[in-house]
Amino acid sequence: MSQTPVLELLQRIQLGDEEALVALHAQFANLVFSVAQRILNDQMAAEEVTQDTFMRLWDKSHTYDPQKGQFIVWLLTITRRLAIDVIRQRTRQEPKQEMLFIDENPQLWESILTSGNGELRRTLVMVMKELPPEQSDVIGLTYFYGMSHSDISEYLKLPLGTVKTRIRQGMQKLRSAWLTETPINPTLDN
């Protein structure tokens, strides 16, 4: 297929011609679907991504620049990004609304953590209590809720670098206290 018909169809789409979108859909829908299916391994999700890709094409057709590359590469890049967004949404684990932070109810955390090796877990609870709340909270979200650094950043509305720094500083304090069995000085590198 030559670029001229695609460019003409894109120009018509920019003018609001729905038939031009239908024509591009007829030419590329199977390819878009197969790429989405390969990434997602889920037929229904791949169908949704295919539909979303052509809706994005309708809204963003003016952003295609033939000088930067072929139309099909541009279209499949949209498809790939939308499919990856679906995967991210599936894997994102957000804490429940009734989630407790460590500093809000230390007795509950202690009862949960002391159900196994009592002395070891009590030490962990005591050390976690000594961390500044901003560090204990991000460590709790990471290790108790399995959230990624970027999920924590989004959930707490903090920059990703701040989340990583708080986790690193908190873990350094935990490691130090664990190895020396001395209390953490909360004034160090908050």
C-alpha atoms as a PDB file:
ATOM      1  CA  MET A   1       0.000   0.000   0.000  1.00  0.00           C
ATOM      2  CA  SER A   2       1.368   3.412  -0.904  1.00  0.00           C
ATOM      3  CA  GLN A   3       1.476   6.323   1.523  1.00  0.00           C
ATOM      4  CA  THR A   4      -0.682   8.604  -0.660  1.00  0.00           C
ATOM      5  CA  PRO A   5      -4.025   6.911   0.063  1.00  0.00           C
ATOM      6  CA  VAL A   6      -3.233   6.805   3.790  1.00  0.00           C
ATOM      7  CA  LEU A   7      -2.285  10.469   3.826  1.00  0.00           C
ATOM      8  CA  GLU A   8      -5.470  11.354   1.960  1.00  0.00           C
ATOM      9  CA  LEU A   9      -7.517   9.343   4.448  1.00  0.00           C
ATOM     10  CA  LEU A  10      -5.772  11.066   7.354  1.00  0.00           C
ATOM     11  CA  GLN A  11      -6.556  14.468   5.864  1.00  0.00           C
ATOM     12  CA  ARG A  12     -10.186  13.469   5.510  1.00  0.00           C
ATOM     13  CA  ILE A  13     -10.247  12.234   9.117  1.00  0.00           C
ATOM     14  CA  GLN A  14      -8.916  15.601  10.244  1.00  0.00           C
ATOM     15  CA  LEU A  15     -11.915  17.163   8.500  1.00  0.00           C
ATOM     16  CA  GLY A  16     -14.267  14.841  10.401  1.00  0.00           C
ATOM     17  CA  ASP A  17     -14.878  12.255   7.662  1.00  0.00           C
ATOM     18  CA  GLU A  18     -15.935   9.078   9.472  1.00  0.00           C
ATOM     19  CA  GLU A  19     -15.845   7.050   6.244  1.00  0.00           C
ATOM     20  CA  ALA A  20     -12.100   7.708   6.041  1.00  0.00           C
ATOM     21  CA  LEU A  21     -11.690   6.225   9.518  1.00  0.00           C
ATOM     22  CA  VAL A  22     -13.733   3.198   8.482  1.00  0.00           C
ATOM     23  CA  ALA A  23     -11.484   2.775   5.429  1.00  0.00           C
ATOM     24  CA  LEU A  24      -8.301   2.874   7.553  1.00  0.00           C
ATOM     25  CA  HIS A  25      -9.897   0.501  10.036  1.00  0.00           C
ATOM     26  CA  ALA A  26     -10.670  -1.957   7.237  1.00  0.00           C
ATOM     27  CA  GLN A  27      -7.058  -1.834   6.043  1.00  0.00           C
ATOM     28  CA  PHE A  28      -5.254  -2.066   9.393  1.00  0.00           C
ATOM     29  CA  ALA A  29      -7.599  -3.498  12.048  1.00  0.00           C
ATOM     30  CA  ASN A  30      -6.362  -7.090  11.698  1.00  0.00           C
ATOM     31  CA  LEU A  31      -2.739  -6.047  12.070  1.00  0.00           C
ATOM     32  CA  VAL A  32      -3.506  -3.789  15.050  1.00  0.00           C
ATOM     33  CA  PHE A  33      -5.498  -6.597  16.681  1.00  0.00           C
ATOM     34  CA  SER A  34      -2.720  -9.158  16.150  1.00  0.00           C
ATOM     35  CA  VAL A  35      -0.141  -6.868  17.766  1.00  0.00           C
ATOM     36  CA  ALA A  36      -2.430  -6.181  20.731  1.00  0.00           C
ATOM     37  CA  GLN A  37      -3.231  -9.910  21.047  1.00  0.00           C
ATOM     38  CA  ARG A  38       0.465 -10.789  21.004  1.00  0.00           C
ATOM     39  CA  ILE A  39       1.197  -8.312  23.809  1.00  0.00           C
ATOM     40  CA  LEU A  40      -1.865  -9.029  25.956  1.00  0.00           C
ATOM     41  CA  ASN A  41      -2.608 -12.682  25.196  1.00  0.00           C
ATOM     42  CA  ASP A  42      -6.283 -11.843  25.805  1.00  0.00           C
ATOM     43  CA  GLN A  43      -8.756 -11.606  22.924  1.00  0.00           C
ATOM     44  CA  MET A  44     -11.266  -9.302  24.621  1.00  0.00           C
ATOM     45  CA  ALA A  45      -8.572  -6.902  25.830  1.00  0.00           C
ATOM     46  CA  ALA A  46      -6.961  -6.950  22.367  1.00  0.00           C
ATOM     47  CA  GLU A  47     -10.319  -6.040  20.796  1.00  0.00           C
ATOM     48  CA  GLU A  48     -10.649  -3.121  23.213  1.00  0.00           C
ATOM     49  CA  VAL A  49      -7.110  -1.948  22.452  1.00  0.00           C
ATOM     50  CA  THR A  50      -7.879  -2.178  18.718  1.00  0.00           C
ATOM     51  CA  GLN A  51     -10.951  -0.013  19.179  1.00  0.00           C
ATOM     52  CA  ASP A  52      -9.026   2.423  21.393  1.00  0.00           C
ATOM     53  CA  THR A  53      -6.237   2.616  18.805  1.00  0.00           C
ATOM     54  CA  PHE A  54      -8.641   3.760  16.107  1.00  0.00           C
ATOM     55  CA  MET A  55     -10.326   6.184  18.493  1.00  0.00           C
ATOM     56  CA  ARG A  56      -6.881   7.617  19.243  1.00  0.00           C
ATOM     57  CA  LEU A  57      -6.261   7.793  15.488  1.00  0.00           C
ATOM     58  CA  TRP A  58      -9.502   9.763  15.114  1.00  0.00           C
ATOM     59  CA  ASP A  59      -8.482  12.201  17.883  1.00  0.00           C
ATOM     60  CA  LYS A  60      -4.769  12.473  17.073  1.00  0.00           C
ATOM     61  CA  SER A  61      -4.522  12.035  13.304  1.00  0.00           C
ATOM     62  CA  HIS A  62      -3.021  15.512  13.055  1.00  0.00           C
ATOM     63  CA  THR A  63       0.033  14.371  15.056  1.00  0.00           C
ATOM     64  CA  TYR A  64       1.210  11.934  12.372  1.00  0.00           C
ATOM     65  CA  ASP A  65       4.226  13.313  10.507  1.00  0.00           C
ATOM     66  CA  PRO A  66       5.209  11.358   7.361  1.00  0.00           C
ATOM     67  CA  GLN A  67       8.694  12.895   7.586  1.00  0.00           C
ATOM     68  CA  LYS A  68       9.297  11.036  10.874  1.00  0.00           C
ATOM     69  CA  GLY A  69       8.287   7.582   9.712  1.00  0.00           C
ATOM     70  CA  GLN A  70       5.762   5.301   8.112  1.00  0.00           C
ATOM     71  CA  PHE A  71       2.114   5.471   9.090  1.00  0.00           C
ATOM     72  CA  ILE A  72       1.976   1.797  10.071  1.00  0.00           C
ATOM     73  CA  VAL A  73       4.856   2.232  12.527  1.00  0.00           C
ATOM     74  CA  TRP A  74       3.080   5.225  14.067  1.00  0.00           C
ATOM     75  CA  LEU A  75      -0.209   3.314  14.323  1.00  0.00           C
ATOM     76  CA  LEU A  76       1.400   0.213  15.855  1.00  0.00           C
ATOM     77  CA  THR A  77       3.286   2.386  18.341  1.00  0.00           C
ATOM     78  CA  ILE A  78      -0.084   3.695  19.526  1.00  0.00           C
ATOM     79  CA  THR A  79      -1.332   0.109  19.763  1.00  0.00           C
ATOM     80  CA  ARG A  80       1.702  -1.028  21.736  1.00  0.00           C
ATOM     81  CA  ARG A  81       1.429   1.859  24.203  1.00  0.00           C
ATOM     82  CA  LEU A  82      -2.268   1.246  24.780  1.00  0.00           C
ATOM     83  CA  ALA A  83      -1.651  -2.485  25.325  1.00  0.00           C
ATOM     84  CA  ILE A  84       1.128  -1.752  27.807  1.00  0.00           C
ATOM     85  CA  ASP A  85      -1.228   0.611  29.644  1.00  0.00           C
ATOM     86  CA  VAL A  86      -3.698  -2.280  29.972  1.00  0.00           C
ATOM     87  CA  ILE A  87      -0.969  -4.502  31.427  1.00  0.00           C
ATOM     88  CA  ARG A  88       0.015  -1.788  33.898  1.00  0.00           C
ATOM     89  CA  GLN A  89      -3.587  -1.348  35.000  1.00  0.00           C
ATOM     90  CA  ARG A  90      -3.907  -5.088  35.554  1.00  0.00           C
ATOM     91  CA  THR A  91      -0.780  -5.301  37.669  1.00  0.00           C
ATOM     92  CA  ARG A  92      -1.260  -2.111  39.662  1.00  0.00           C
ATOM     93  CA  GLN A  93      -2.041  -2.972  43.241  1.00  0.00           C
ATOM     94  CA  GLU A  94      -3.612  -0.176  45.168  1.00  0.00           C
ATOM     95  CA  PRO A  95      -4.114  -0.443  48.909  1.00  0.00           C
ATOM     96  CA  LYS A  96      -7.675  -0.713  50.133  1.00  0.00           C
ATOM     97  CA  GLN A  97      -9.361   2.329  51.612  1.00  0.00           C
ATOM     98  CA  GLU A  98      -9.354   0.717  55.040  1.00  0.00           C
ATOM     99  CA  MET A  99      -5.574   0.217  54.898  1.00  0.00           C
ATOM    100  CA  LEU A 100      -3.738   0.938  58.129  1.00  0.00           C
ATOM    101  CA  PHE A 101      -0.394   2.651  58.208  1.00  0.00           C
ATOM    102  CA  ILE A 102       2.124   1.311  60.687  1.00  0.00           C
ATOM    103  CA  ASP A 103       2.085   4.438  62.854  1.00  0.00           C
ATOM    104  CA  GLU A 104      -1.736   4.489  63.042  1.00  0.00           C
ATOM    105  CA  ASN A 105      -2.159   1.162  64.832  1.00  0.00           C
ATOM    106  CA  PRO A 106       1.133  -0.333  66.040  1.00  0.00           C
ATOM    107  CA  GLN A 107      -0.631  -2.926  68.219  1.00  0.00           C
ATOM    108  CA  LEU A 108      -2.341  -4.440  65.174  1.00  0.00           C
ATOM    109  CA  TRP A 109       0.942  -4.643  63.284  1.00  0.00           C
ATOM    110  CA  GLU A 110       2.610  -6.200  66.303  1.00  0.00           C
ATOM    111  CA  SER A 111      -0.132  -8.828  66.641  1.00  0.00           C
ATOM    112  CA  ILE A 112       0.148  -9.642  62.923  1.00  0.00           C
ATOM    113  CA  LEU A 113       3.913  -9.797  62.918  1.00  0.00           C
ATOM    114  CA  THR A 114       4.313 -11.693  66.192  1.00  0.00           C
ATOM    115  CA  SER A 115       2.253 -14.648  65.021  1.00  0.00           C
ATOM    116  CA  GLY A 116       5.466 -16.464  64.021  1.00  0.00           C
ATOM    117  CA  ASN A 117       8.963 -16.132  65.531  1.00  0.00           C
ATOM    118  CA  GLY A 118       7.946 -13.839  68.419  1.00  0.00           C
ATOM    119  CA  GLU A 119      11.247 -12.237  69.417  1.00  0.00           C
ATOM    120  CA  LEU A 120      12.436 -11.645  65.870  1.00  0.00           C
ATOM    121  CA  ARG A 121       9.131 -10.129  64.822  1.00  0.00           C
ATOM    122  CA  ARG A 122       8.885  -7.959  67.955  1.00  0.00           C
ATOM    123  CA  THR A 123      12.292  -6.555  67.126  1.00  0.00           C
ATOM    124  CA  LEU A 124      11.131  -5.767  63.590  1.00  0.00           C
ATOM    125  CA  VAL A 125       7.994  -4.046  64.927  1.00  0.00           C
ATOM    126  CA  MET A 126      10.041  -1.984  67.380  1.00  0.00           C
ATOM    127  CA  VAL A 127      12.497  -0.965  64.695  1.00  0.00           C
ATOM    128  CA  MET A 128       9.677  -0.046  62.267  1.00  0.00           C
ATOM    129  CA  LYS A 129       8.030   2.089  64.997  1.00  0.00           C
ATOM    130  CA  GLU A 130      11.213   4.103  65.311  1.00  0.00           C
ATOM    131  CA  LEU A 131      11.271   5.068  61.645  1.00  0.00           C
ATOM    132  CA  PRO A 132       9.792   8.434  60.665  1.00  0.00           C
ATOM    133  CA  PRO A 133       6.227   7.902  59.374  1.00  0.00           C
ATOM    134  CA  GLU A 134       7.123   8.989  55.826  1.00  0.00           C
ATOM    135  CA  GLN A 135       9.673   6.151  55.679  1.00  0.00           C
ATOM    136  CA  SER A 136       7.655   3.478  57.487  1.00  0.00           C
ATOM    137  CA  ASP A 137       4.632   4.167  55.287  1.00  0.00           C
ATOM    138  CA  VAL A 138       6.478   3.680  51.985  1.00  0.00           C
ATOM    139  CA  ILE A 139       8.256   0.590  53.303  1.00  0.00           C
ATOM    140  CA  GLY A 140       4.913  -0.811  54.431  1.00  0.00           C
ATOM    141  CA  LEU A 141       3.340  -0.162  51.025  1.00  0.00           C
ATOM    142  CA  THR A 142       6.295  -1.840  49.328  1.00  0.00           C
ATOM    143  CA  TYR A 143       6.665  -4.932  51.488  1.00  0.00           C
ATOM    144  CA  PHE A 144       3.203  -5.491  52.976  1.00  0.00           C
ATOM    145  CA  TYR A 145       1.138  -4.482  49.941  1.00  0.00           C
ATOM    146  CA  GLY A 146       3.543  -5.327  47.118  1.00  0.00           C
ATOM    147  CA  MET A 147       3.220  -1.920  45.465  1.00  0.00           C
ATOM    148  CA  SER A 148       5.878  -0.794  43.016  1.00  0.00           C
ATOM    149  CA  HIS A 149       7.757   2.455  43.561  1.00  0.00           C
ATOM    150  CA  SER A 150       5.786   4.136  40.763  1.00  0.00           C
ATOM    151  CA  ASP A 151       2.470   2.910  42.226  1.00  0.00           C
ATOM    152  CA  ILE A 152       3.436   4.360  45.620  1.00  0.00           C
ATOM    153  CA  SER A 153       4.420   7.623  43.937  1.00  0.00           C
ATOM    154  CA  GLU A 154       1.033   7.846  42.257  1.00  0.00           C
ATOM    155  CA  TYR A 155      -0.901   6.740  45.379  1.00  0.00           C
ATOM    156  CA  LEU A 156       0.834   9.178  47.744  1.00  0.00           C
ATOM    157  CA  LYS A 157       1.145  11.889  45.067  1.00  0.00           C
ATOM    158  CA  LEU A 158       4.897  12.160  45.633  1.00  0.00           C
ATOM    159  CA  PRO A 159       7.714  12.371  43.101  1.00  0.00           C
ATOM    160  CA  LEU A 160       9.170   8.960  42.264  1.00  0.00           C
ATOM    161  CA  GLY A 161      12.625  10.068  43.435  1.00  0.00           C
ATOM    162  CA  THR A 162      11.213  11.029  46.844  1.00  0.00           C
ATOM    163  CA  VAL A 163       9.601   7.599  47.233  1.00  0.00           C
ATOM    164  CA  LYS A 164      12.841   5.825  46.311  1.00  0.00           C
ATOM    165  CA  THR A 165      14.860   8.014  48.682  1.00  0.00           C
ATOM    166  CA  ARG A 166      12.479   7.381  51.584  1.00  0.00           C
ATOM    167  CA  ILE A 167      12.552   3.638  50.991  1.00  0.00           C
ATOM    168  CA  ARG A 168      16.353   3.610  50.733  1.00  0.00           C
ATOM    169  CA  GLN A 169      16.818   5.735  53.868  1.00  0.00           C
ATOM    170  CA  GLY A 170      14.296   3.699  55.832  1.00  0.00           C
ATOM    171  CA  MET A 171      15.877   0.422  54.757  1.00  0.00           C
ATOM    172  CA  GLN A 172      19.328   1.709  55.711  1.00  0.00           C
ATOM    173  CA  LYS A 173      18.035   2.604  59.172  1.00  0.00           C
ATOM    174  CA  LEU A 174      16.297  -0.771  59.527  1.00  0.00           C
ATOM    175  CA  ARG A 175      19.420  -2.613  58.422  1.00  0.00           C
ATOM    176  CA  SER A 176      21.594  -0.625  60.799  1.00  0.00           C
ATOM    177  CA  ALA A 177      19.242  -1.107  63.740  1.00  0.00           C
ATOM    178  CA  TRP A 178      18.806  -4.788  62.940  1.00  0.00           C
ATOM    179  CA  LEU A 179      22.532  -5.445  62.831  1.00  0.00           C
ATOM    180  CA  THR A 180      23.418  -3.370  65.883  1.00  0.00           C
ATOM    181  CA  GLU A 181      20.155  -3.893  67.794  1.00  0.00           C
ATOM    182  CA  THR A 182      20.282  -0.231  68.828  1.00  0.00           C
ATOM    183  CA  PRO A 183      17.443   2.264  68.493  1.00  0.00           C
ATOM    184  CA  ILE A 184      17.180   4.313  65.340  1.00  0.00           C
ATOM    185  CA  ASN A 185      17.820   8.014  65.640  1.00  0.00           C
ATOM    186  CA  PRO A 186      14.810   9.467  63.746  1.00  0.00           C
ATOM    187  CA  THR A 187      16.634  12.757  63.198  1.00  0.00           C
ATOM    188  CA  LEU A 188      19.116  11.136  60.801  1.00  0.00           C
ATOM    189  CA  ASP A 189      18.522  11.856  57.097  1.00  0.00           C
ATOM    190  CA  ASN A 190      14.757  12.053  57.102  1.00  0.00           C
END
